Amino acid sequence: MHNNEYISEVEFIDIFADNLRDIMYEMDISEGELARRTGLSKMAISRYLNKKRMPTLKALVNLSYVLCVPITDLIPTYAMID
């Protein structure tokens, strides 16, 4: 594979956080409300939005379900992680 087909984990987390923030803004949903509806802590949502942590697969599925978006709207799928 060529190097341009890879993204770093940091880039992956940055893209996820930006996508999550954009979707939350479009849906007019707060961190607290998202936490309540997904069963995640507000601290976990804050860590995702501040690019400190990636969600588990379970949390990702729950975020996708609550936000009514496919998982691919939250995570980058166009490259491999280096």
PDB file of N, CA and C in Angstrom:
ATOM      1  N   MET A   1       0.832  -1.180   0.000  1.00  0.00           N
ATOM      2  CA  MET A   1       0.000   0.000   0.000  1.00  0.00           C
ATOM      3  C   MET A   1       0.877   1.244   0.000  1.00  0.00           C
ATOM      4  N   HIS A   2       0.351   2.304  -0.542  1.00  0.00           N
ATOM      5  CA  HIS A   2       1.055   3.573  -0.551  1.00  0.00           C
ATOM      6  C   HIS A   2       0.802   4.305   0.751  1.00  0.00           C
ATOM      7  N   ASN A   3       1.747   5.137   1.142  1.00  0.00           N
ATOM      8  CA  ASN A   3       1.633   5.865   2.404  1.00  0.00           C
ATOM      9  C   ASN A   3       0.382   6.727   2.477  1.00  0.00           C
ATOM     10  N   ASN A   4      -0.101   7.255   1.355  1.00  0.00           N
ATOM     11  CA  ASN A   4      -1.281   8.114   1.394  1.00  0.00           C
ATOM     12  C   ASN A   4      -2.563   7.323   1.664  1.00  0.00           C
ATOM     13  N   GLU A   5      -2.456   6.013   1.759  1.00  0.00           N
ATOM     14  CA  GLU A   5      -3.615   5.190   2.085  1.00  0.00           C
ATOM     15  C   GLU A   5      -3.706   4.942   3.582  1.00  0.00           C
ATOM     16  N   TYR A   6      -2.802   5.520   4.345  1.00  0.00           N
ATOM     17  CA  TYR A   6      -2.772   5.336   5.784  1.00  0.00           C
ATOM     18  C   TYR A   6      -3.059   6.660   6.488  1.00  0.00           C
ATOM     19  N   ILE A   7      -3.708   6.566   7.633  1.00  0.00           N
ATOM     20  CA  ILE A   7      -3.817   7.711   8.524  1.00  0.00           C
ATOM     21  C   ILE A   7      -3.329   7.253   9.896  1.00  0.00           C
ATOM     22  N   SER A   8      -2.866   8.187  10.679  1.00  0.00           N
ATOM     23  CA  SER A   8      -2.406   7.837  12.020  1.00  0.00           C
ATOM     24  C   SER A   8      -3.604   7.682  12.949  1.00  0.00           C
ATOM     25  N   GLU A   9      -3.369   7.065  14.099  1.00  0.00           N
ATOM     26  CA  GLU A   9      -4.428   6.955  15.099  1.00  0.00           C
ATOM     27  C   GLU A   9      -4.878   8.337  15.562  1.00  0.00           C
ATOM     28  N   VAL A  10      -3.943   9.250  15.671  1.00  0.00           N
ATOM     29  CA  VAL A  10      -4.282  10.613  16.096  1.00  0.00           C
ATOM     30  C   VAL A  10      -5.216  11.258  15.082  1.00  0.00           C
ATOM     31  N   GLU A  11      -4.902  11.111  13.801  1.00  0.00           N
ATOM     32  CA  GLU A  11      -5.774  11.659  12.753  1.00  0.00           C
ATOM     33  C   GLU A  11      -7.157  10.999  12.804  1.00  0.00           C
ATOM     34  N   PHE A  12      -7.187   9.707  13.046  1.00  0.00           N
ATOM     35  CA  PHE A  12      -8.445   8.967  13.138  1.00  0.00           C
ATOM     36  C   PHE A  12      -9.302   9.528  14.269  1.00  0.00           C
ATOM     37  N   ILE A  13      -8.688   9.721  15.437  1.00  0.00           N
ATOM     38  CA  ILE A  13      -9.415  10.257  16.593  1.00  0.00           C
ATOM     39  C   ILE A  13      -9.881  11.685  16.316  1.00  0.00           C
ATOM     40  N   ASP A  14      -9.038  12.487  15.672  1.00  0.00           N
ATOM     41  CA  ASP A  14      -9.422  13.861  15.328  1.00  0.00           C
ATOM     42  C   ASP A  14     -10.649  13.880  14.418  1.00  0.00           C
ATOM     43  N   ILE A  15     -10.650  13.042  13.408  1.00  0.00           N
ATOM     44  CA  ILE A  15     -11.766  13.000  12.464  1.00  0.00           C
ATOM     45  C   ILE A  15     -13.029  12.527  13.163  1.00  0.00           C
ATOM     46  N   PHE A  16     -12.911  11.485  13.987  1.00  0.00           N
ATOM     47  CA  PHE A  16     -14.077  10.999  14.729  1.00  0.00           C
ATOM     48  C   PHE A  16     -14.659  12.117  15.588  1.00  0.00           C
ATOM     49  N   ALA A  17     -13.815  12.812  16.349  1.00  0.00           N
ATOM     50  CA  ALA A  17     -14.287  13.876  17.247  1.00  0.00           C
ATOM     51  C   ALA A  17     -14.979  14.983  16.460  1.00  0.00           C
ATOM     52  N   ASP A  18     -14.380  15.389  15.350  1.00  0.00           N
ATOM     53  CA  ASP A  18     -14.982  16.440  14.527  1.00  0.00           C
ATOM     54  C   ASP A  18     -16.324  15.993  13.953  1.00  0.00           C
ATOM     55  N   ASN A  19     -16.395  14.746  13.501  1.00  0.00           N
ATOM     56  CA  ASN A  19     -17.653  14.224  12.960  1.00  0.00           C
ATOM     57  C   ASN A  19     -18.723  14.171  14.049  1.00  0.00           C
ATOM     58  N   LEU A  20     -18.356  13.695  15.231  1.00  0.00           N
ATOM     59  CA  LEU A  20     -19.310  13.617  16.333  1.00  0.00           C
ATOM     60  C   LEU A  20     -19.807  15.013  16.689  1.00  0.00           C
ATOM     61  N   ARG A  21     -18.908  15.964  16.795  1.00  0.00           N
ATOM     62  CA  ARG A  21     -19.298  17.341  17.132  1.00  0.00           C
ATOM     63  C   ARG A  21     -20.253  17.911  16.070  1.00  0.00           C
ATOM     64  N   ASP A  22     -19.938  17.698  14.799  1.00  0.00           N
ATOM     65  CA  ASP A  22     -20.784  18.211  13.716  1.00  0.00           C
ATOM     66  C   ASP A  22     -22.186  17.607  13.771  1.00  0.00           C
ATOM     67  N   ILE A  23     -22.266  16.309  13.995  1.00  0.00           N
ATOM     68  CA  ILE A  23     -23.568  15.638  14.045  1.00  0.00           C
ATOM     69  C   ILE A  23     -24.358  16.110  15.261  1.00  0.00           C
ATOM     70  N   MET A  24     -23.685  16.245  16.398  1.00  0.00           N
ATOM     71  CA  MET A  24     -24.368  16.748  17.599  1.00  0.00           C
ATOM     72  C   MET A  24     -24.905  18.158  17.347  1.00  0.00           C
ATOM     73  N   TYR A  25     -24.128  18.989  16.675  1.00  0.00           N
ATOM     74  CA  TYR A  25     -24.561  20.350  16.369  1.00  0.00           C
ATOM     75  C   TYR A  25     -25.783  20.332  15.452  1.00  0.00           C
ATOM     76  N   GLU A  26     -25.716  19.514  14.399  1.00  0.00           N
ATOM     77  CA  GLU A  26     -26.833  19.421  13.451  1.00  0.00           C
ATOM     78  C   GLU A  26     -28.103  18.934  14.136  1.00  0.00           C
ATOM     79  N   MET A  27     -27.957  18.043  15.107  1.00  0.00           N
ATOM     80  CA  MET A  27     -29.112  17.493  15.810  1.00  0.00           C
ATOM     81  C   MET A  27     -29.494  18.326  17.029  1.00  0.00           C
ATOM     82  N   ASP A  28     -28.699  19.349  17.340  1.00  0.00           N
ATOM     83  CA  ASP A  28     -28.933  20.203  18.498  1.00  0.00           C
ATOM     84  C   ASP A  28     -29.055  19.367  19.777  1.00  0.00           C
ATOM     85  N   ILE A  29     -28.057  18.491  19.971  1.00  0.00           N
ATOM     86  CA  ILE A  29     -28.039  17.635  21.152  1.00  0.00           C
ATOM     87  C   ILE A  29     -26.793  17.947  21.983  1.00  0.00           C
ATOM     88  N   SER A  30     -26.978  18.100  23.270  1.00  0.00           N
ATOM     89  CA  SER A  30     -25.874  18.449  24.170  1.00  0.00           C
ATOM     90  C   SER A  30     -25.099  17.208  24.590  1.00  0.00           C
ATOM     91  N   GLU A  31     -23.932  17.437  25.175  1.00  0.00           N
ATOM     92  CA  GLU A  31     -23.133  16.329  25.707  1.00  0.00           C
ATOM     93  C   GLU A  31     -23.928  15.560  26.756  1.00  0.00           C
ATOM     94  N   GLY A  32     -24.579  16.303  27.636  1.00  0.00           N
ATOM     95  CA  GLY A  32     -25.355  15.670  28.701  1.00  0.00           C
ATOM     96  C   GLY A  32     -26.493  14.825  28.171  1.00  0.00           C
ATOM     97  N   GLU A  33     -27.203  15.357  27.192  1.00  0.00           N
ATOM     98  CA  GLU A  33     -28.326  14.609  26.612  1.00  0.00           C
ATOM     99  C   GLU A  33     -27.824  13.381  25.868  1.00  0.00           C
ATOM    100  N   LEU A  34     -26.739  13.523  25.128  1.00  0.00           N
ATOM    101  CA  LEU A  34     -26.178  12.379  24.410  1.00  0.00           C
ATOM    102  C   LEU A  34     -25.721  11.313  25.398  1.00  0.00           C
ATOM    103  N   ALA A  35     -25.098  11.739  26.474  1.00  0.00           N
ATOM    104  CA  ALA A  35     -24.659  10.798  27.503  1.00  0.00           C
ATOM    105  C   ALA A  35     -25.855  10.046  28.079  1.00  0.00           C
ATOM    106  N   ARG A  36     -26.894  10.779  28.424  1.00  0.00           N
ATOM    107  CA  ARG A  36     -28.088  10.156  29.008  1.00  0.00           C
ATOM    108  C   ARG A  36     -28.713   9.144  28.060  1.00  0.00           C
ATOM    109  N   ARG A  37     -28.837   9.517  26.795  1.00  0.00           N
ATOM    110  CA  ARG A  37     -29.517   8.648  25.831  1.00  0.00           C
ATOM    111  C   ARG A  37     -28.689   7.433  25.416  1.00  0.00           C
ATOM    112  N   THR A  38     -27.364   7.561  25.482  1.00  0.00           N
ATOM    113  CA  THR A  38     -26.505   6.434  25.089  1.00  0.00           C
ATOM    114  C   THR A  38     -26.112   5.556  26.270  1.00  0.00           C
ATOM    115  N   GLY A  39     -26.320   6.052  27.480  1.00  0.00           N
ATOM    116  CA  GLY A  39     -25.886   5.308  28.652  1.00  0.00           C
ATOM    117  C   GLY A  39     -24.399   5.485  28.945  1.00  0.00           C
ATOM    118  N   LEU A  40     -23.774   6.423  28.266  1.00  0.00           N
ATOM    119  CA  LEU A  40     -22.366   6.735  28.498  1.00  0.00           C
ATOM    120  C   LEU A  40     -22.277   7.871  29.507  1.00  0.00           C
ATOM    121  N   SER A  41     -21.128   8.052  30.102  1.00  0.00           N
ATOM    122  CA  SER A  41     -20.963   9.178  31.029  1.00  0.00           C
ATOM    123  C   SER A  41     -20.721  10.457  30.230  1.00  0.00           C
ATOM    124  N   LYS A  42     -21.057  11.572  30.863  1.00  0.00           N
ATOM    125  CA  LYS A  42     -20.781  12.859  30.232  1.00  0.00           C
ATOM    126  C   LYS A  42     -19.278  13.034  30.048  1.00  0.00           C
ATOM    127  N   MET A  43     -18.495  12.497  30.989  1.00  0.00           N
ATOM    128  CA  MET A  43     -17.035  12.556  30.893  1.00  0.00           C
ATOM    129  C   MET A  43     -16.549  11.808  29.649  1.00  0.00           C
ATOM    130  N   ALA A  44     -17.147  10.655  29.346  1.00  0.00           N
ATOM    131  CA  ALA A  44     -16.756   9.895  28.155  1.00  0.00           C
ATOM    132  C   ALA A  44     -17.034  10.709  26.893  1.00  0.00           C
ATOM    133  N   ILE A  45     -18.214  11.310  26.819  1.00  0.00           N
ATOM    134  CA  ILE A  45     -18.560  12.134  25.655  1.00  0.00           C
ATOM    135  C   ILE A  45     -17.567  13.287  25.535  1.00  0.00           C
ATOM    136  N   SER A  46     -17.240  13.916  26.656  1.00  0.00           N
ATOM    137  CA  SER A  46     -16.278  15.018  26.661  1.00  0.00           C
ATOM    138  C   SER A  46     -14.914  14.555  26.155  1.00  0.00           C
ATOM    139  N   ARG A  47     -14.480  13.389  26.592  1.00  0.00           N
ATOM    140  CA  ARG A  47     -13.181  12.867  26.130  1.00  0.00           C
ATOM    141  C   ARG A  47     -13.194  12.605  24.630  1.00  0.00           C
ATOM    142  N   TYR A  48     -14.304  12.110  24.105  1.00  0.00           N
ATOM    143  CA  TYR A  48     -14.401  11.890  22.649  1.00  0.00           C
ATOM    144  C   TYR A  48     -14.296  13.231  21.921  1.00  0.00           C
ATOM    145  N   LEU A  49     -15.060  14.215  22.385  1.00  0.00           N
ATOM    146  CA  LEU A  49     -15.099  15.514  21.719  1.00  0.00           C
ATOM    147  C   LEU A  49     -13.785  16.276  21.850  1.00  0.00           C
ATOM    148  N   ASN A  50     -13.052  16.029  22.916  1.00  0.00           N
ATOM    149  CA  ASN A  50     -11.766  16.694  23.121  1.00  0.00           C
ATOM    150  C   ASN A  50     -10.587  15.898  22.567  1.00  0.00           C
ATOM    151  N   LYS A  51     -10.907  14.871  21.806  1.00  0.00           N
ATOM    152  CA  LYS A  51      -9.907  14.087  21.081  1.00  0.00           C
ATOM    153  C   LYS A  51      -8.931  13.384  22.009  1.00  0.00           C
ATOM    154  N   LYS A  52      -9.441  12.941  23.149  1.00  0.00           N
ATOM    155  CA  LYS A  52      -8.623  12.254  24.144  1.00  0.00           C
ATOM    156  C   LYS A  52      -8.811  10.748  24.108  1.00  0.00           C
ATOM    157  N   ARG A  53      -9.914  10.284  23.541  1.00  0.00           N
ATOM    158  CA  ARG A  53     -10.217   8.857  23.578  1.00  0.00           C
ATOM    159  C   ARG A  53     -11.162   8.477  22.443  1.00  0.00           C
ATOM    160  N   MET A  54     -11.013   7.242  21.987  1.00  0.00           N
ATOM    161  CA  MET A  54     -11.947   6.654  21.022  1.00  0.00           C
ATOM    162  C   MET A  54     -12.944   5.804  21.786  1.00  0.00           C
ATOM    163  N   PRO A  55     -14.189   5.754  21.319  1.00  0.00           N
ATOM    164  CA  PRO A  55     -15.172   4.914  21.997  1.00  0.00           C
ATOM    165  C   PRO A  55     -14.921   3.436  21.719  1.00  0.00           C
ATOM    166  N   THR A  56     -15.428   2.612  22.617  1.00  0.00           N
ATOM    167  CA  THR A  56     -15.423   1.174  22.364  1.00  0.00           C
ATOM    168  C   THR A  56     -16.393   0.900  21.221  1.00  0.00           C
ATOM    169  N   LEU A  57     -16.352  -0.307  20.706  1.00  0.00           N
ATOM    170  CA  LEU A  57     -17.296  -0.676  19.653  1.00  0.00           C
ATOM    171  C   LEU A  57     -18.734  -0.551  20.154  1.00  0.00           C
ATOM    172  N   LYS A  58     -18.989  -0.992  21.372  1.00  0.00           N
ATOM    173  CA  LYS A  58     -20.329  -0.890  21.954  1.00  0.00           C
ATOM    174  C   LYS A  58     -20.773   0.570  22.014  1.00  0.00           C
ATOM    175  N   ALA A  59     -19.905   1.449  22.500  1.00  0.00           N
ATOM    176  CA  ALA A  59     -20.237   2.868  22.592  1.00  0.00           C
ATOM    177  C   ALA A  59     -20.452   3.464  21.199  1.00  0.00           C
ATOM    178  N   LEU A  60     -19.644   3.072  20.239  1.00  0.00           N
ATOM    179  CA  LEU A  60     -19.778   3.564  18.871  1.00  0.00           C
ATOM    180  C   LEU A  60     -21.126   3.172  18.269  1.00  0.00           C
ATOM    181  N   VAL A  61     -21.521   1.920  18.488  1.00  0.00           N
ATOM    182  CA  VAL A  61     -22.824   1.461  17.990  1.00  0.00           C
ATOM    183  C   VAL A  61     -23.950   2.253  18.663  1.00  0.00           C
ATOM    184  N   ASN A  62     -23.839   2.466  19.974  1.00  0.00           N
ATOM    185  CA  ASN A  62     -24.872   3.213  20.690  1.00  0.00           C
ATOM    186  C   ASN A  62     -24.930   4.667  20.236  1.00  0.00           C
ATOM    187  N   LEU A  63     -23.788   5.285  20.005  1.00  0.00           N
ATOM    188  CA  LEU A  63     -23.764   6.649  19.480  1.00  0.00           C
ATOM    189  C   LEU A  63     -24.447   6.713  18.116  1.00  0.00           C
ATOM    190  N   SER A  64     -24.098   5.784  17.268  1.00  0.00           N
ATOM    191  CA  SER A  64     -24.676   5.728  15.931  1.00  0.00           C
ATOM    192  C   SER A  64     -26.196   5.569  16.003  1.00  0.00           C
ATOM    193  N   TYR A  65     -26.656   4.694  16.870  1.00  0.00           N
ATOM    194  CA  TYR A  65     -28.096   4.431  17.019  1.00  0.00           C
ATOM    195  C   TYR A  65     -28.826   5.676  17.527  1.00  0.00           C
ATOM    196  N   VAL A  66     -28.308   6.271  18.590  1.00  0.00           N
ATOM    197  CA  VAL A  66     -28.972   7.432  19.193  1.00  0.00           C
ATOM    198  C   VAL A  66     -28.963   8.625  18.245  1.00  0.00           C
ATOM    199  N   LEU A  67     -27.866   8.797  17.512  1.00  0.00           N
ATOM    200  CA  LEU A  67     -27.767   9.924  16.586  1.00  0.00           C
ATOM    201  C   LEU A  67     -28.429   9.647  15.237  1.00  0.00           C
ATOM    202  N   CYS A  68     -28.905   8.416  15.055  1.00  0.00           N
ATOM    203  CA  CYS A  68     -29.600   8.025  13.813  1.00  0.00           C
ATOM    204  C   CYS A  68     -28.722   8.225  12.578  1.00  0.00           C
ATOM    205  N   VAL A  69     -27.459   7.835  12.701  1.00  0.00           N
ATOM    206  CA  VAL A  69     -26.533   7.926  11.579  1.00  0.00           C
ATOM    207  C   VAL A  69     -25.801   6.598  11.437  1.00  0.00           C
ATOM    208  N   PRO A  70     -25.385   6.258  10.226  1.00  0.00           N
ATOM    209  CA  PRO A  70     -24.545   5.065  10.083  1.00  0.00           C
ATOM    210  C   PRO A  70     -23.194   5.293  10.756  1.00  0.00           C
ATOM    211  N   ILE A  71     -22.607   4.229  11.236  1.00  0.00           N
ATOM    212  CA  ILE A  71     -21.296   4.336  11.897  1.00  0.00           C
ATOM    213  C   ILE A  71     -20.288   5.029  10.984  1.00  0.00           C
ATOM    214  N   THR A  72     -20.399   4.825   9.696  1.00  0.00           N
ATOM    215  CA  THR A  72     -19.451   5.428   8.752  1.00  0.00           C
ATOM    216  C   THR A  72     -19.554   6.951   8.718  1.00  0.00           C
ATOM    217  N   ASP A  73     -20.637   7.525   9.257  1.00  0.00           N
ATOM    218  CA  ASP A  73     -20.712   8.988   9.373  1.00  0.00           C
ATOM    219  C   ASP A  73     -19.864   9.490  10.540  1.00  0.00           C
ATOM    220  N   LEU A  74     -19.539   8.595  11.456  1.00  0.00           N
ATOM    221  CA  LEU A  74     -18.752   8.971  12.631  1.00  0.00           C
ATOM    222  C   LEU A  74     -17.262   8.716  12.453  1.00  0.00           C
ATOM    223  N   ILE A  75     -16.908   7.652  11.771  1.00  0.00           N
ATOM    224  CA  ILE A  75     -15.498   7.273  11.676  1.00  0.00           C
ATOM    225  C   ILE A  75     -15.019   7.339  10.224  1.00  0.00           C
ATOM    226  N   PRO A  76     -13.744   7.652  10.041  1.00  0.00           N
ATOM    227  CA  PRO A  76     -13.197   7.653   8.678  1.00  0.00           C
ATOM    228  C   PRO A  76     -13.053   6.218   8.181  1.00  0.00           C
ATOM    229  N   THR A  77     -13.436   5.986   6.963  1.00  0.00           N
ATOM    230  CA  THR A  77     -13.378   4.630   6.408  1.00  0.00           C
ATOM    231  C   THR A  77     -12.587   4.568   5.110  1.00  0.00           C
ATOM    232  N   TYR A  78     -11.887   5.637   4.796  1.00  0.00           N
ATOM    233  CA  TYR A  78     -11.213   5.708   3.502  1.00  0.00           C
ATOM    234  C   TYR A  78      -9.752   5.331   3.545  1.00  0.00           C
ATOM    235  N   ALA A  79      -9.251   4.997   4.705  1.00  0.00           N
ATOM    236  CA  ALA A  79      -7.834   4.677   4.792  1.00  0.00           C
ATOM    237  C   ALA A  79      -7.582   3.682   5.904  1.00  0.00           C
ATOM    238  N   MET A  80      -6.436   3.048   5.831  1.00  0.00           N
ATOM    239  CA  MET A  80      -6.023   2.145   6.913  1.00  0.00           C
ATOM    240  C   MET A  80      -5.328   2.968   7.976  1.00  0.00           C
ATOM    241  N   ILE A  81      -5.363   2.490   9.186  1.00  0.00           N
ATOM    242  CA  ILE A  81      -4.697   3.160  10.292  1.00  0.00           C
ATOM    243  C   ILE A  81      -3.275   2.641  10.403  1.00  0.00           C
ATOM    244  N   ASP A  82      -2.338   3.562  10.418  1.00  0.00           N
ATOM    245  CA  ASP A  82      -0.931   3.196  10.491  1.00  0.00           C
ATOM    246  C   ASP A  82      -0.511   3.065  11.942  1.00  0.00           C
TER     247      ASP A  82
END
